[in-house]
Amino acid sequence: MKALIGVVAMVLALDAANFAAGARLGPAQHGPSLFNALGSDDFNDKLPEALAALPASQRQAFEARLARTKSFHSLLQAPPATAEFPQEIVFSAKVRVERAAFVLTTSGNAARDAAELAGNVRLSYEWEGYPDGPMAEAQSAQRYLAGHPNTSVKDYIQLFLMHRYRCAFEAAERTIPEALGRPEPNGLAWAEQTRRVQRDAAVAYRAAWERARNSRDEVARTIASDIDAASYVYVATAAHPRTFKDK
């Protein structure tokens, strides 16, 4: 199973890197290194650099939390051997979410709650550079949190929301010019719809950022800053949801 997860992660990263729609999509190693390290050991060559930039106390706290990966064992039920490849990709993504939530959370209920979150959150097979996928994933996690406000993995959910809403925001920024290049009237309608998605993603990102940066958990606050400070997390763009001003 570990071999399968590694192969799938590589496929996803290569798909992102090779996306040919006029945008540079960022595979995992170009995103927030601390956030990525929670869920996977793959494509994290920039983690040492990110750790070296932290104050000693934050670095030690993060490394101690990351050591929890050694005790992680997925509680999710693997798909059958006859499962289609997209189903395997989604499952491996769920395991990454489960591991990330477990690693960040020190509660005795971490394993149970991480598995429940991963089993219920909606994850996409692929995003293809558009905002719909990450937006739907974020909204799915938001609904889960609303129904489970006392879950022990709520700090991780806020980080997940920050990441996915920023991905949706960046993807919308890439999509708007593409939409405007389409014939009228469909192109203009698509562009306006995408602008609304971008506005919604920016508002939701800022809300998640406020909650995450005010967490009682120092490690969660450190990772929130890592996500926010990244030059981009999915699509290379100078626009940032925290400083976005609607036109």
Foldseek 3Di string as FASTA:
>chain_A
DVVLLQVLLVVQQVCLCPQPDPFGWHRQCQALLLLQLQQDPPNNPCVVVLLVPDDPVLSVLSVVLSVCLVVDDAPDDQDDPPDDPLSNSLVSVLSSQLSSLLSQFPDPCSNVLSNVLSVFFDAGSHDSLALPRLVSRLVSLVVVCVVVVPRRSVLVNLLSLLLSLLSSLQSLVVCLVVLCPDDPDRSVVVNVVSLVSNLVSLVSNLVSLVDQCPDPDSNSNSSSVSRQPRCGHTTRDNDHSPPDDRD
